[in-house]
């Protein structure tokens, strides 16, 4: 399956950006399932992630924030972004 996405270039100086909503809660046992439940995304712009957090605020804890991550270590994501940049230059 192939998809086409638009990635924001307003990326907070992060290469190959994507955004997540991080919703921290206590996880004393370092349980991977609890950790996975604290992450929502990916989103491909801060605006998109902020809109989700704002419109469904009731689904998230008061400490939930949008965070910009780098997809630099994802070979496929990095390759596809580089190819798209080359086509637009």
Protein backbone atom coordinates (compact mmCIF):
# COMPACT_ATOMS: atom_id res chain seq x y z
CA UNK A 1 0.00 0.00 0.00
CA UNK A 2 1.27 3.48 -0.82
CA UNK A 3 0.10 6.74 0.68
CA UNK A 4 0.91 10.33 -0.10
CA UNK A 5 1.33 12.85 2.72
CA UNK A 6 2.18 16.52 3.00
CA UNK A 7 4.84 17.31 5.60
CA UNK A 8 5.12 20.73 7.16
CA UNK A 9 8.41 22.50 6.53
CA UNK A 10 7.94 24.44 9.77
CA UNK A 11 9.81 21.85 11.71
CA UNK A 12 11.55 23.47 14.67
CA UNK A 13 14.99 22.80 13.13
CA UNK A 14 14.40 19.05 13.10
CA UNK A 15 15.36 17.01 10.08
CA UNK A 16 12.74 14.63 8.66
CA UNK A 17 10.09 15.83 11.14
CA UNK A 18 6.94 14.25 12.45
CA UNK A 19 4.90 15.19 15.48
CA UNK A 20 3.42 13.13 18.29
CA UNK A 21 1.14 13.90 21.18
CA UNK A 22 2.90 12.72 24.33
CA UNK A 23 0.59 12.19 27.29
CA UNK A 24 2.79 11.29 30.27
CA UNK A 25 1.47 9.28 33.18
CA UNK A 26 3.14 7.31 35.92
CA UNK A 27 4.65 4.08 34.66
CA UNK A 28 6.59 2.62 37.59
CA UNK A 29 6.91 -0.85 36.01
CA UNK A 30 8.17 0.55 32.71
CA UNK A 31 5.33 -1.35 31.01
CA UNK A 32 5.59 -1.03 27.23
CA UNK A 33 1.80 -1.20 26.82
CA UNK A 34 1.30 1.73 29.19
CA UNK A 35 4.01 3.66 27.35
CA UNK A 36 2.38 2.98 23.96
CA UNK A 37 -0.91 4.35 25.32
CA UNK A 38 0.85 7.64 26.11
CA UNK A 39 1.71 8.32 22.45
CA UNK A 40 -0.66 9.47 19.70
CA UNK A 41 0.43 10.06 16.12
CA UNK A 42 2.21 10.45 13.86
CA UNK A 43 1.12 13.82 12.58
CA UNK A 44 2.91 15.62 9.79
CA UNK A 45 2.56 19.19 11.06
CA UNK A 46 2.43 20.81 14.48
CA UNK A 47 -0.88 22.41 13.49
CA UNK A 48 -2.46 19.03 12.78
CA UNK A 49 -1.31 17.60 16.12
CA UNK A 50 -2.38 20.73 18.05
CA UNK A 51 -5.82 20.58 16.39
CA UNK A 52 -6.24 16.97 17.57
CA UNK A 53 -5.13 17.83 21.09
CA UNK A 54 -7.40 20.88 21.25
CA UNK A 55 -10.49 19.31 19.71
CA UNK A 56 -10.28 16.15 21.82
CA UNK A 57 -8.70 17.59 24.95
CA UNK A 58 -10.99 15.41 27.08
CA UNK A 59 -9.11 12.33 25.81
CA UNK A 60 -5.73 13.54 27.09
CA UNK A 61 -4.24 14.30 30.47
CA UNK A 62 -3.42 17.85 31.54
CA UNK A 63 0.31 17.28 30.89
CA UNK A 64 -0.16 16.17 27.27
CA UNK A 65 1.96 18.11 24.77
CA UNK A 66 2.78 18.07 21.08
CA UNK A 67 6.40 17.17 20.44
CA UNK A 68 8.40 17.35 17.20
CA UNK A 69 10.56 14.29 16.52
CA UNK A 70 13.11 13.50 13.84
CA UNK A 71 12.61 10.59 11.48
CA UNK A 72 16.32 10.68 10.63
CA UNK A 73 16.84 7.05 11.65
CA UNK A 74 13.99 5.77 9.48
CA UNK A 75 15.69 4.94 6.19
CA UNK A 76 12.45 4.79 4.21
CA UNK A 77 11.01 8.04 5.59
CA UNK A 78 14.33 9.82 5.08
CA UNK A 79 14.70 8.51 1.51
CA UNK A 80 11.16 9.52 0.54
CA UNK A 81 11.57 13.04 1.92
CA UNK A 82 14.90 13.47 0.15
CA UNK A 83 13.40 12.25 -3.14
CA UNK A 84 10.47 14.67 -2.79
CA UNK A 85 12.85 17.56 -2.08
CA UNK A 86 14.92 16.73 -5.17
CA UNK A 87 11.78 16.79 -7.34
CA UNK A 88 10.81 20.27 -6.10
CA UNK A 89 14.25 21.82 -6.56
